[in-house]
Amino acid sequence: MSRNLNNPPAGHRDYGATSSSTNAIMPDVSFSGFSPTEFMSLSEDIGQNISAVNSSSRQLEKILKVIGTRREQQATRNKVHNIHAEANTRIDTISRDIQRLTAVVRRGDKQQKLQLEKLTNDFRNVVEKYSSVQKRITAAMRQSIEQLGQQQDEQAEAERAEFLQQQAQITAGLQFEQDMLVDRERQLRQIEADVLDVNAIMRRVYDIVQTHGEQVENIENSVENAATDVELGREELAKASQYRRSYRRKILILLAIAVIIGLIVTGIIVAKLTS
């Protein structure tokens, strides 16, 4: 009957029990005789568990190539833990089975004792190989964790620097926005002042336009009055011209009458003188 994994006592691990050490910790077993069946069963179990531990070593060697690379994940570390747990349990089982087999072959023949020695040597070799791979993968994982920690520290520092830079940019942005608000407030006050100035200018323009309108109206009135005066002057001139012409005619008539009267008087005088 096969016993590949016997549950060891809690907390007990014995890696690499050898033929020299098994005698020191050999359980007190009393035999009435050699049991070929138990020998075969123990030998089979030990051989299968040695093969399983050797397979665990090969699995760890494959995983060792992944440790510290981008392919390393939490599942990888979980797998390493599971392999360790299973292999350690098998090593405990092999150690106890070799102790039991040592007690069994005490009454066996030389062939069984040679078989025990071979299994013990195989167990020692596989444990040494497994232990070596186990130490290497543990060191690699420790280095990977340290590198990961360093990367995380560097990343945290980079994130902190980026955060500070972002904070500085945000602060600068807020300051810029504050300056923009102040400048906009100043521009708004300037615009308000400009609006007041425009209103004043518009009032002045209105006054100027109104005054100009009054002046234009006065000029128009003056022009109209001048035109009227010119027309009246023309009429007066026409009247004066007509009066002068009439006056001249009257003078001429009077002069003609005076000449005629003079001639008459002269004729009378001459007539009297000649008579």
C-alpha atoms as a PDB file:
ATOM      1  CA  MET A   1       0.000   0.000   0.000  1.00  0.00           C
ATOM      2  CA  SER A   2       1.470   3.322  -1.096  1.00  0.00           C
ATOM      3  CA  ARG A   3       2.116   6.145   1.437  1.00  0.00           C
ATOM      4  CA  ASN A   4       3.457   9.065  -0.679  1.00  0.00           C
ATOM      5  CA  LEU A   5       2.686  11.768   1.871  1.00  0.00           C
ATOM      6  CA  ASN A   6       2.538  11.001   5.542  1.00  0.00           C
ATOM      7  CA  ASN A   7       1.421  14.003   7.583  1.00  0.00           C
ATOM      8  CA  PRO A   8       4.388  15.057   9.761  1.00  0.00           C
ATOM      9  CA  PRO A   9       4.001  16.497  13.238  1.00  0.00           C
ATOM     10  CA  ALA A  10       3.312  20.228  13.253  1.00  0.00           C
ATOM     11  CA  GLY A  11       6.468  22.334  13.143  1.00  0.00           C
ATOM     12  CA  HIS A  12       8.758  19.343  12.498  1.00  0.00           C
ATOM     13  CA  ARG A  13      11.075  19.488   9.451  1.00  0.00           C
ATOM     14  CA  ASP A  14      14.095  17.250   8.963  1.00  0.00           C
ATOM     15  CA  TYR A  15      15.897  17.969   5.676  1.00  0.00           C
ATOM     16  CA  GLY A  16      18.396  15.418   4.420  1.00  0.00           C
ATOM     17  CA  ALA A  17      18.452  12.587   6.937  1.00  0.00           C
ATOM     18  CA  THR A  18      21.405  10.314   6.123  1.00  0.00           C
ATOM     19  CA  SER A  19      22.353   6.791   7.026  1.00  0.00           C
ATOM     20  CA  SER A  20      24.634   8.047   9.789  1.00  0.00           C
ATOM     21  CA  SER A  21      21.935  10.201  11.330  1.00  0.00           C
ATOM     22  CA  THR A  22      19.067   7.794  10.973  1.00  0.00           C
ATOM     23  CA  ASN A  23      20.646   5.408  13.463  1.00  0.00           C
ATOM     24  CA  ALA A  24      20.769   8.179  16.053  1.00  0.00           C
ATOM     25  CA  ILE A  25      17.090   9.010  15.668  1.00  0.00           C
ATOM     26  CA  MET A  26      15.859   5.564  14.739  1.00  0.00           C
ATOM     27  CA  PRO A  27      12.527   4.797  16.391  1.00  0.00           C
ATOM     28  CA  ASP A  28      12.375   1.976  18.857  1.00  0.00           C
ATOM     29  CA  VAL A  29      10.860  -0.777  16.740  1.00  0.00           C
ATOM     30  CA  SER A  30      10.671  -4.378  17.807  1.00  0.00           C
ATOM     31  CA  PHE A  31      10.442  -7.010  15.105  1.00  0.00           C
ATOM     32  CA  SER A  32       9.624 -10.615  15.257  1.00  0.00           C
ATOM     33  CA  GLY A  33      11.142 -10.882  11.738  1.00  0.00           C
ATOM     34  CA  PHE A  34      11.804  -9.163   8.403  1.00  0.00           C
ATOM     35  CA  SER A  35       8.687  -7.949   6.486  1.00  0.00           C
ATOM     36  CA  PRO A  36       9.255  -7.956   2.700  1.00  0.00           C
ATOM     37  CA  THR A  37       5.861  -6.283   2.141  1.00  0.00           C
ATOM     38  CA  GLU A  38       6.633  -3.311   4.368  1.00  0.00           C
ATOM     39  CA  PHE A  39      10.128  -3.029   2.886  1.00  0.00           C
ATOM     40  CA  MET A  40       8.712  -2.856  -0.644  1.00  0.00           C
ATOM     41  CA  SER A  41       5.996  -0.412   0.373  1.00  0.00           C
ATOM     42  CA  LEU A  42       8.455   1.908   2.161  1.00  0.00           C
ATOM     43  CA  SER A  43      10.988   1.681  -0.659  1.00  0.00           C
ATOM     44  CA  GLU A  44       8.312   2.538  -3.216  1.00  0.00           C
ATOM     45  CA  ASP A  45       7.024   5.480  -1.196  1.00  0.00           C
ATOM     46  CA  ILE A  46      10.533   6.831  -0.626  1.00  0.00           C
ATOM     47  CA  GLY A  47      11.389   6.526  -4.333  1.00  0.00           C
ATOM     48  CA  GLN A  48       8.193   8.283  -5.421  1.00  0.00           C
ATOM     49  CA  ASN A  49       8.647  11.113  -2.909  1.00  0.00           C
ATOM     50  CA  ILE A  50      12.309  11.536  -3.929  1.00  0.00           C
ATOM     51  CA  SER A  51      11.147  11.870  -7.553  1.00  0.00           C
ATOM     52  CA  ALA A  52       8.506  14.389  -6.452  1.00  0.00           C
ATOM     53  CA  VAL A  53      11.103  16.483  -4.555  1.00  0.00           C
ATOM     54  CA  ASN A  54      13.389  16.322  -7.576  1.00  0.00           C
ATOM     55  CA  SER A  55      10.473  17.531  -9.736  1.00  0.00           C
ATOM     56  CA  SER A  56       9.928  20.396  -7.274  1.00  0.00           C
ATOM     57  CA  SER A  57      13.583  21.370  -7.710  1.00  0.00           C
ATOM     58  CA  ARG A  58      13.148  21.511 -11.474  1.00  0.00           C
ATOM     59  CA  GLN A  59      10.012  23.630 -11.084  1.00  0.00           C
ATOM     60  CA  LEU A  60      11.888  26.035  -8.818  1.00  0.00           C
ATOM     61  CA  GLU A  61      14.744  26.233 -11.332  1.00  0.00           C
ATOM     62  CA  LYS A  62      12.245  27.263 -14.026  1.00  0.00           C
ATOM     63  CA  ILE A  63      10.632  29.816 -11.736  1.00  0.00           C
ATOM     64  CA  LEU A  64      14.101  31.117 -10.816  1.00  0.00           C
ATOM     65  CA  LYS A  65      14.453  32.393 -14.389  1.00  0.00           C
ATOM     66  CA  VAL A  66      11.266  34.449 -13.928  1.00  0.00           C
ATOM     67  CA  ILE A  67      12.120  36.015 -10.574  1.00  0.00           C
ATOM     68  CA  GLY A  68      13.152  39.636 -10.949  1.00  0.00           C
ATOM     69  CA  THR A  69      11.669  39.978 -14.440  1.00  0.00           C
ATOM     70  CA  ARG A  70       8.443  41.533 -15.625  1.00  0.00           C
ATOM     71  CA  ARG A  71       6.868  38.080 -15.744  1.00  0.00           C
ATOM     72  CA  GLU A  72       7.132  37.784 -11.967  1.00  0.00           C
ATOM     73  CA  GLN A  73       3.710  38.171 -10.434  1.00  0.00           C
ATOM     74  CA  GLN A  74       2.003  37.466  -7.159  1.00  0.00           C
ATOM     75  CA  ALA A  75       0.853  34.145  -8.597  1.00  0.00           C
ATOM     76  CA  THR A  76       4.522  33.240  -9.152  1.00  0.00           C
ATOM     77  CA  ARG A  77       5.365  33.842  -5.507  1.00  0.00           C
ATOM     78  CA  ASN A  78       2.288  31.914  -4.432  1.00  0.00           C
ATOM     79  CA  LYS A  79       3.405  29.006  -6.606  1.00  0.00           C
ATOM     80  CA  VAL A  80       6.876  29.064  -5.007  1.00  0.00           C
ATOM     81  CA  HIS A  81       5.252  28.937  -1.575  1.00  0.00           C
ATOM     82  CA  ASN A  82       3.063  25.998  -2.576  1.00  0.00           C
ATOM     83  CA  ILE A  83       6.054  24.100  -4.021  1.00  0.00           C
ATOM     84  CA  HIS A  84       8.038  24.733  -0.830  1.00  0.00           C
ATOM     85  CA  ALA A  85       5.187  23.537   1.354  1.00  0.00           C
ATOM     86  CA  GLU A  86       4.644  20.370  -0.652  1.00  0.00           C
ATOM     87  CA  ALA A  87       8.352  19.562  -1.027  1.00  0.00           C
ATOM     88  CA  ASN A  88       9.056  20.179   2.664  1.00  0.00           C
ATOM     89  CA  THR A  89       6.219  17.852   3.609  1.00  0.00           C
ATOM     90  CA  ARG A  90       7.573  15.165   1.273  1.00  0.00           C
ATOM     91  CA  ILE A  91      11.078  15.567   2.734  1.00  0.00           C
ATOM     92  CA  ASP A  92       9.656  15.127   6.216  1.00  0.00           C
ATOM     93  CA  THR A  93       7.828  12.032   5.013  1.00  0.00           C
ATOM     94  CA  ILE A  94      10.931  10.609   3.303  1.00  0.00           C
ATOM     95  CA  SER A  95      13.007  11.197   6.433  1.00  0.00           C
ATOM     96  CA  ARG A  96      10.565   9.305   8.628  1.00  0.00           C
ATOM     97  CA  ASP A  97      10.155   6.535   6.030  1.00  0.00           C
ATOM     98  CA  ILE A  98      13.942   6.057   5.831  1.00  0.00           C
ATOM     99  CA  GLN A  99      14.061   5.819   9.611  1.00  0.00           C
ATOM    100  CA  ARG A 100      11.360   3.206   9.485  1.00  0.00           C
ATOM    101  CA  LEU A 101      13.028   1.372   6.579  1.00  0.00           C
ATOM    102  CA  THR A 102      16.345   1.361   8.451  1.00  0.00           C
ATOM    103  CA  ALA A 103      14.642  -0.399  11.326  1.00  0.00           C
ATOM    104  CA  VAL A 104      12.987  -2.841   8.954  1.00  0.00           C
ATOM    105  CA  VAL A 105      16.178  -3.909   7.138  1.00  0.00           C
ATOM    106  CA  ARG A 106      18.103  -4.551  10.351  1.00  0.00           C
ATOM    107  CA  ARG A 107      16.951  -8.143   9.967  1.00  0.00           C
ATOM    108  CA  GLY A 108      17.061  -8.079   6.169  1.00  0.00           C
ATOM    109  CA  ASP A 109      19.770  -9.298   3.836  1.00  0.00           C
ATOM    110  CA  LYS A 110      22.577  -7.401   2.202  1.00  0.00           C
ATOM    111  CA  GLN A 111      20.515  -6.628  -0.880  1.00  0.00           C
ATOM    112  CA  GLN A 112      17.876  -4.815   1.204  1.00  0.00           C
ATOM    113  CA  LYS A 113      20.605  -2.920   3.063  1.00  0.00           C
ATOM    114  CA  LEU A 114      22.170  -1.846  -0.253  1.00  0.00           C
ATOM    115  CA  GLN A 115      18.722  -0.708  -1.379  1.00  0.00           C
ATOM    116  CA  LEU A 116      18.365   1.347   1.801  1.00  0.00           C
ATOM    117  CA  GLU A 117      21.800   2.896   1.269  1.00  0.00           C
ATOM    118  CA  LYS A 118      20.895   3.816  -2.323  1.00  0.00           C
ATOM    119  CA  LEU A 119      17.624   5.389  -1.247  1.00  0.00           C
ATOM    120  CA  THR A 120      19.441   7.269   1.521  1.00  0.00           C
ATOM    121  CA  ASN A 121      22.058   8.593  -0.918  1.00  0.00           C
ATOM    122  CA  ASP A 122      19.373   9.574  -3.427  1.00  0.00           C
ATOM    123  CA  PHE A 123      17.501  11.328  -0.643  1.00  0.00           C
ATOM    124  CA  ARG A 124      20.640  13.192   0.452  1.00  0.00           C
ATOM    125  CA  ASN A 125      21.405  14.279  -3.136  1.00  0.00           C
ATOM    126  CA  VAL A 126      17.889  15.427  -3.889  1.00  0.00           C
ATOM    127  CA  VAL A 127      17.693  17.318  -0.592  1.00  0.00           C
ATOM    128  CA  GLU A 128      21.021  19.026  -1.283  1.00  0.00           C
ATOM    129  CA  LYS A 129      19.863  19.962  -4.781  1.00  0.00           C
ATOM    130  CA  TYR A 130      16.503  21.129  -3.529  1.00  0.00           C
ATOM    131  CA  SER A 131      18.089  23.083  -0.703  1.00  0.00           C
ATOM    132  CA  SER A 132      20.491  24.768  -3.120  1.00  0.00           C
ATOM    133  CA  VAL A 133      17.688  25.773  -5.479  1.00  0.00           C
ATOM    134  CA  GLN A 134      15.592  26.829  -2.519  1.00  0.00           C
ATOM    135  CA  LYS A 135      18.360  29.120  -1.243  1.00  0.00           C
ATOM    136  CA  ARG A 136      18.952  30.564  -4.709  1.00  0.00           C
ATOM    137  CA  ILE A 137      15.292  31.280  -5.316  1.00  0.00           C
ATOM    138  CA  THR A 138      14.940  32.735  -1.817  1.00  0.00           C
ATOM    139  CA  ALA A 139      17.914  35.032  -2.447  1.00  0.00           C
ATOM    140  CA  ALA A 140      16.535  35.966  -5.877  1.00  0.00           C
ATOM    141  CA  MET A 141      13.130  36.723  -4.422  1.00  0.00           C
ATOM    142  CA  ARG A 142      14.712  38.784  -1.641  1.00  0.00           C
ATOM    143  CA  GLN A 143      16.719  40.718  -4.228  1.00  0.00           C
ATOM    144  CA  SER A 144      13.613  41.088  -6.352  1.00  0.00           C
ATOM    145  CA  ILE A 145      11.670  42.386  -3.372  1.00  0.00           C
ATOM    146  CA  GLU A 146      14.480  44.801  -2.532  1.00  0.00           C
ATOM    147  CA  GLN A 147      14.607  45.970  -6.138  1.00  0.00           C
ATOM    148  CA  LEU A 148      10.856  46.247  -6.161  1.00  0.00           C
ATOM    149  CA  GLY A 149      11.017  48.207  -2.929  1.00  0.00           C
ATOM    150  CA  GLN A 150      13.694  50.438  -4.409  1.00  0.00           C
ATOM    151  CA  GLN A 151      11.623  50.876  -7.551  1.00  0.00           C
ATOM    152  CA  GLN A 152       8.610  51.657  -5.426  1.00  0.00           C
ATOM    153  CA  ASP A 153      10.662  54.149  -3.428  1.00  0.00           C
ATOM    154  CA  GLU A 154      11.931  55.709  -6.635  1.00  0.00           C
ATOM    155  CA  GLN A 155       8.430  55.688  -8.045  1.00  0.00           C
ATOM    156  CA  ALA A 156       7.097  57.185  -4.817  1.00  0.00           C
ATOM    157  CA  GLU A 157       9.823  59.828  -4.942  1.00  0.00           C
ATOM    158  CA  ALA A 158       9.060  60.473  -8.588  1.00  0.00           C
ATOM    159  CA  GLU A 159       5.355  60.658  -7.803  1.00  0.00           C
ATOM    160  CA  ARG A 160       6.140  62.968  -4.893  1.00  0.00           C
ATOM    161  CA  ALA A 161       8.283  65.155  -7.147  1.00  0.00           C
ATOM    162  CA  GLU A 162       5.562  65.064  -9.781  1.00  0.00           C
ATOM    163  CA  PHE A 163       2.986  65.884  -7.126  1.00  0.00           C
ATOM    164  CA  LEU A 164       5.094  68.796  -5.895  1.00  0.00           C
ATOM    165  CA  GLN A 165       5.573  69.922  -9.475  1.00  0.00           C
ATOM    166  CA  GLN A 166       1.849  69.654 -10.074  1.00  0.00           C
ATOM    167  CA  GLN A 167       1.227  71.557  -6.856  1.00  0.00           C
ATOM    168  CA  ALA A 168       3.703  74.193  -7.991  1.00  0.00           C
ATOM    169  CA  GLN A 169       1.987  74.336 -11.367  1.00  0.00           C
ATOM    170  CA  ILE A 170      -1.397  74.547  -9.682  1.00  0.00           C
ATOM    171  CA  THR A 171      -0.105  77.274  -7.372  1.00  0.00           C
ATOM    172  CA  ALA A 172       1.408  79.097 -10.328  1.00  0.00           C
ATOM    173  CA  GLY A 173      -1.837  78.634 -12.213  1.00  0.00           C
ATOM    174  CA  LEU A 174      -3.847  79.970  -9.287  1.00  0.00           C
ATOM    175  CA  GLN A 175      -1.449  82.901  -8.976  1.00  0.00           C
ATOM    176  CA  PHE A 176      -1.750  83.508 -12.699  1.00  0.00           C
ATOM    177  CA  GLU A 177      -5.535  83.375 -12.462  1.00  0.00           C
ATOM    178  CA  GLN A 178      -5.397  85.721  -9.468  1.00  0.00           C
ATOM    179  CA  ASP A 179      -3.196  88.105 -11.432  1.00  0.00           C
ATOM    180  CA  MET A 180      -5.593  87.793 -14.349  1.00  0.00           C
ATOM    181  CA  LEU A 181      -8.507  88.630 -12.073  1.00  0.00           C
ATOM    182  CA  VAL A 182      -6.643  91.638 -10.714  1.00  0.00           C
ATOM    183  CA  ASP A 183      -5.754  92.730 -14.224  1.00  0.00           C
ATOM    184  CA  ARG A 184      -9.315  92.193 -15.377  1.00  0.00           C
ATOM    185  CA  GLU A 185     -10.559  94.220 -12.427  1.00  0.00           C
ATOM    186  CA  ARG A 186      -8.129  96.969 -13.384  1.00  0.00           C
ATOM    187  CA  GLN A 187      -9.252  96.786 -16.996  1.00  0.00           C
ATOM    188  CA  LEU A 188     -12.884  96.839 -15.874  1.00  0.00           C
ATOM    189  CA  ARG A 189     -12.258  99.962 -13.817  1.00  0.00           C
ATOM    190  CA  GLN A 190     -10.464 101.480 -16.811  1.00  0.00           C
ATOM    191  CA  ILE A 191     -13.412 100.595 -19.035  1.00  0.00           C
ATOM    192  CA  GLU A 192     -15.788 102.100 -16.505  1.00  0.00           C
ATOM    193  CA  ALA A 193     -13.625 105.211 -16.446  1.00  0.00           C
ATOM    194  CA  ASP A 194     -13.591 105.206 -20.230  1.00  0.00           C
ATOM    195  CA  VAL A 195     -17.355 104.928 -20.257  1.00  0.00           C
ATOM    196  CA  LEU A 196     -17.604 107.942 -17.948  1.00  0.00           C
ATOM    197  CA  ASP A 197     -15.234 109.852 -20.219  1.00  0.00           C
ATOM    198  CA  VAL A 198     -17.291 108.902 -23.253  1.00  0.00           C
ATOM    199  CA  ASN A 199     -20.413 110.081 -21.520  1.00  0.00           C
ATOM    200  CA  ALA A 200     -18.731 113.385 -20.715  1.00  0.00           C
ATOM    201  CA  ILE A 201     -17.495 113.647 -24.292  1.00  0.00           C
ATOM    202  CA  MET A 202     -20.946 112.855 -25.579  1.00  0.00           C
ATOM    203  CA  ARG A 203     -22.373 115.580 -23.340  1.00  0.00           C
ATOM    204  CA  ARG A 204     -19.780 118.026 -24.647  1.00  0.00           C
ATOM    205  CA  VAL A 205     -20.520 117.010 -28.215  1.00  0.00           C
ATOM    206  CA  TYR A 206     -24.202 117.468 -27.534  1.00  0.00           C
ATOM    207  CA  ASP A 207     -23.537 120.931 -26.137  1.00  0.00           C
ATOM    208  CA  ILE A 208     -21.319 121.746 -29.117  1.00  0.00           C
ATOM    209  CA  VAL A 209     -23.922 120.460 -31.533  1.00  0.00           C
ATOM    210  CA  GLN A 210     -26.631 122.390 -29.760  1.00  0.00           C
ATOM    211  CA  THR A 211     -24.502 125.556 -29.703  1.00  0.00           C
ATOM    212  CA  HIS A 212     -23.512 124.982 -33.295  1.00  0.00           C
ATOM    213  CA  GLY A 213     -27.157 124.509 -34.147  1.00  0.00           C
ATOM    214  CA  GLU A 214     -28.002 127.794 -32.490  1.00  0.00           C
ATOM    215  CA  GLN A 215     -25.121 129.479 -34.311  1.00  0.00           C
ATOM    216  CA  VAL A 216     -26.216 127.975 -37.597  1.00  0.00           C
ATOM    217  CA  GLU A 217     -29.740 129.112 -36.890  1.00  0.00           C
ATOM    218  CA  ASN A 218     -28.469 132.610 -36.078  1.00  0.00           C
ATOM    219  CA  ILE A 219     -26.375 132.571 -39.245  1.00  0.00           C
ATOM    220  CA  GLU A 220     -29.373 131.447 -41.221  1.00  0.00           C
ATOM    221  CA  ASN A 221     -31.428 134.206 -39.628  1.00  0.00           C
ATOM    222  CA  SER A 222     -28.668 136.697 -40.344  1.00  0.00           C
ATOM    223  CA  VAL A 223     -28.467 135.514 -43.936  1.00  0.00           C
ATOM    224  CA  GLU A 224     -32.195 135.795 -44.269  1.00  0.00           C
ATOM    225  CA  ASN A 225     -32.118 139.257 -42.691  1.00  0.00           C
ATOM    226  CA  ALA A 226     -29.237 140.276 -44.966  1.00  0.00           C
ATOM    227  CA  ALA A 227     -31.116 138.978 -47.939  1.00  0.00           C
ATOM    228  CA  THR A 228     -34.136 140.990 -46.855  1.00  0.00           C
ATOM    229  CA  ASP A 229     -31.994 144.071 -46.317  1.00  0.00           C
ATOM    230  CA  VAL A 230     -30.383 143.593 -49.725  1.00  0.00           C
ATOM    231  CA  GLU A 231     -33.795 143.306 -51.301  1.00  0.00           C
ATOM    232  CA  LEU A 232     -34.940 146.383 -49.481  1.00  0.00           C
ATOM    233  CA  GLY A 233     -31.742 148.170 -50.556  1.00  0.00           C
ATOM    234  CA  ARG A 234     -32.380 147.170 -54.092  1.00  0.00           C
ATOM    235  CA  GLU A 235     -35.890 148.529 -53.860  1.00  0.00           C
ATOM    236  CA  GLU A 236     -34.617 151.769 -52.299  1.00  0.00           C
ATOM    237  CA  LEU A 237     -31.946 152.062 -54.923  1.00  0.00           C
ATOM    238  CA  ALA A 238     -34.502 151.499 -57.573  1.00  0.00           C
ATOM    239  CA  LYS A 239     -36.716 154.113 -56.011  1.00  0.00           C
ATOM    240  CA  ALA A 240     -33.768 156.504 -55.655  1.00  0.00           C
ATOM    241  CA  SER A 241     -32.769 155.916 -59.232  1.00  0.00           C
ATOM    242  CA  GLN A 242     -36.307 156.560 -60.386  1.00  0.00           C
ATOM    243  CA  TYR A 243     -36.466 159.655 -58.208  1.00  0.00           C
ATOM    244  CA  ARG A 244     -33.208 160.930 -59.648  1.00  0.00           C
ATOM    245  CA  ARG A 245     -34.425 160.418 -63.140  1.00  0.00           C
ATOM    246  CA  SER A 246     -37.695 162.266 -62.328  1.00  0.00           C
ATOM    247  CA  TYR A 247     -35.744 164.988 -60.570  1.00  0.00           C
ATOM    248  CA  ARG A 248     -33.493 165.396 -63.559  1.00  0.00           C
ATOM    249  CA  ARG A 249     -36.462 165.685 -65.856  1.00  0.00           C
ATOM    250  CA  LYS A 250     -37.983 168.316 -63.614  1.00  0.00           C
ATOM    251  CA  ILE A 251     -34.707 170.289 -63.560  1.00  0.00           C
ATOM    252  CA  LEU A 252     -34.452 170.071 -67.287  1.00  0.00           C
ATOM    253  CA  ILE A 253     -38.044 171.263 -67.680  1.00  0.00           C
ATOM    254  CA  LEU A 254     -37.421 174.070 -65.231  1.00  0.00           C
ATOM    255  CA  LEU A 255     -34.230 175.003 -67.072  1.00  0.00           C
ATOM    256  CA  ALA A 256     -36.056 174.950 -70.359  1.00  0.00           C
ATOM    257  CA  ILE A 257     -38.812 177.110 -68.918  1.00  0.00           C
ATOM    258  CA  ALA A 258     -36.196 179.423 -67.465  1.00  0.00           C
ATOM    259  CA  VAL A 259     -34.460 179.663 -70.817  1.00  0.00           C
ATOM    260  CA  ILE A 260     -37.718 180.342 -72.568  1.00  0.00           C
ATOM    261  CA  ILE A 261     -38.678 182.953 -70.001  1.00  0.00           C
ATOM    262  CA  GLY A 262     -35.237 184.474 -70.369  1.00  0.00           C
ATOM    263  CA  LEU A 263     -35.627 184.626 -74.077  1.00  0.00           C
ATOM    264  CA  ILE A 264     -39.040 186.194 -73.776  1.00  0.00           C
ATOM    265  CA  VAL A 265     -37.802 188.764 -71.284  1.00  0.00           C
ATOM    266  CA  THR A 266     -34.850 189.475 -73.456  1.00  0.00           C
ATOM    267  CA  GLY A 267     -37.098 189.937 -76.444  1.00  0.00           C
ATOM    268  CA  ILE A 268     -39.334 192.282 -74.537  1.00  0.00           C
ATOM    269  CA  ILE A 269     -36.415 194.296 -73.365  1.00  0.00           C
ATOM    270  CA  VAL A 270     -34.961 194.455 -76.818  1.00  0.00           C
ATOM    271  CA  ALA A 271     -38.319 195.463 -78.227  1.00  0.00           C
ATOM    272  CA  LYS A 272     -38.679 198.245 -75.705  1.00  0.00           C
ATOM    273  CA  LEU A 273     -35.242 199.462 -76.419  1.00  0.00           C
ATOM    274  CA  THR A 274     -35.740 199.506 -80.066  1.00  0.00           C
ATOM    275  CA  SER A 275     -38.996 201.283 -79.836  1.00  0.00           C
END
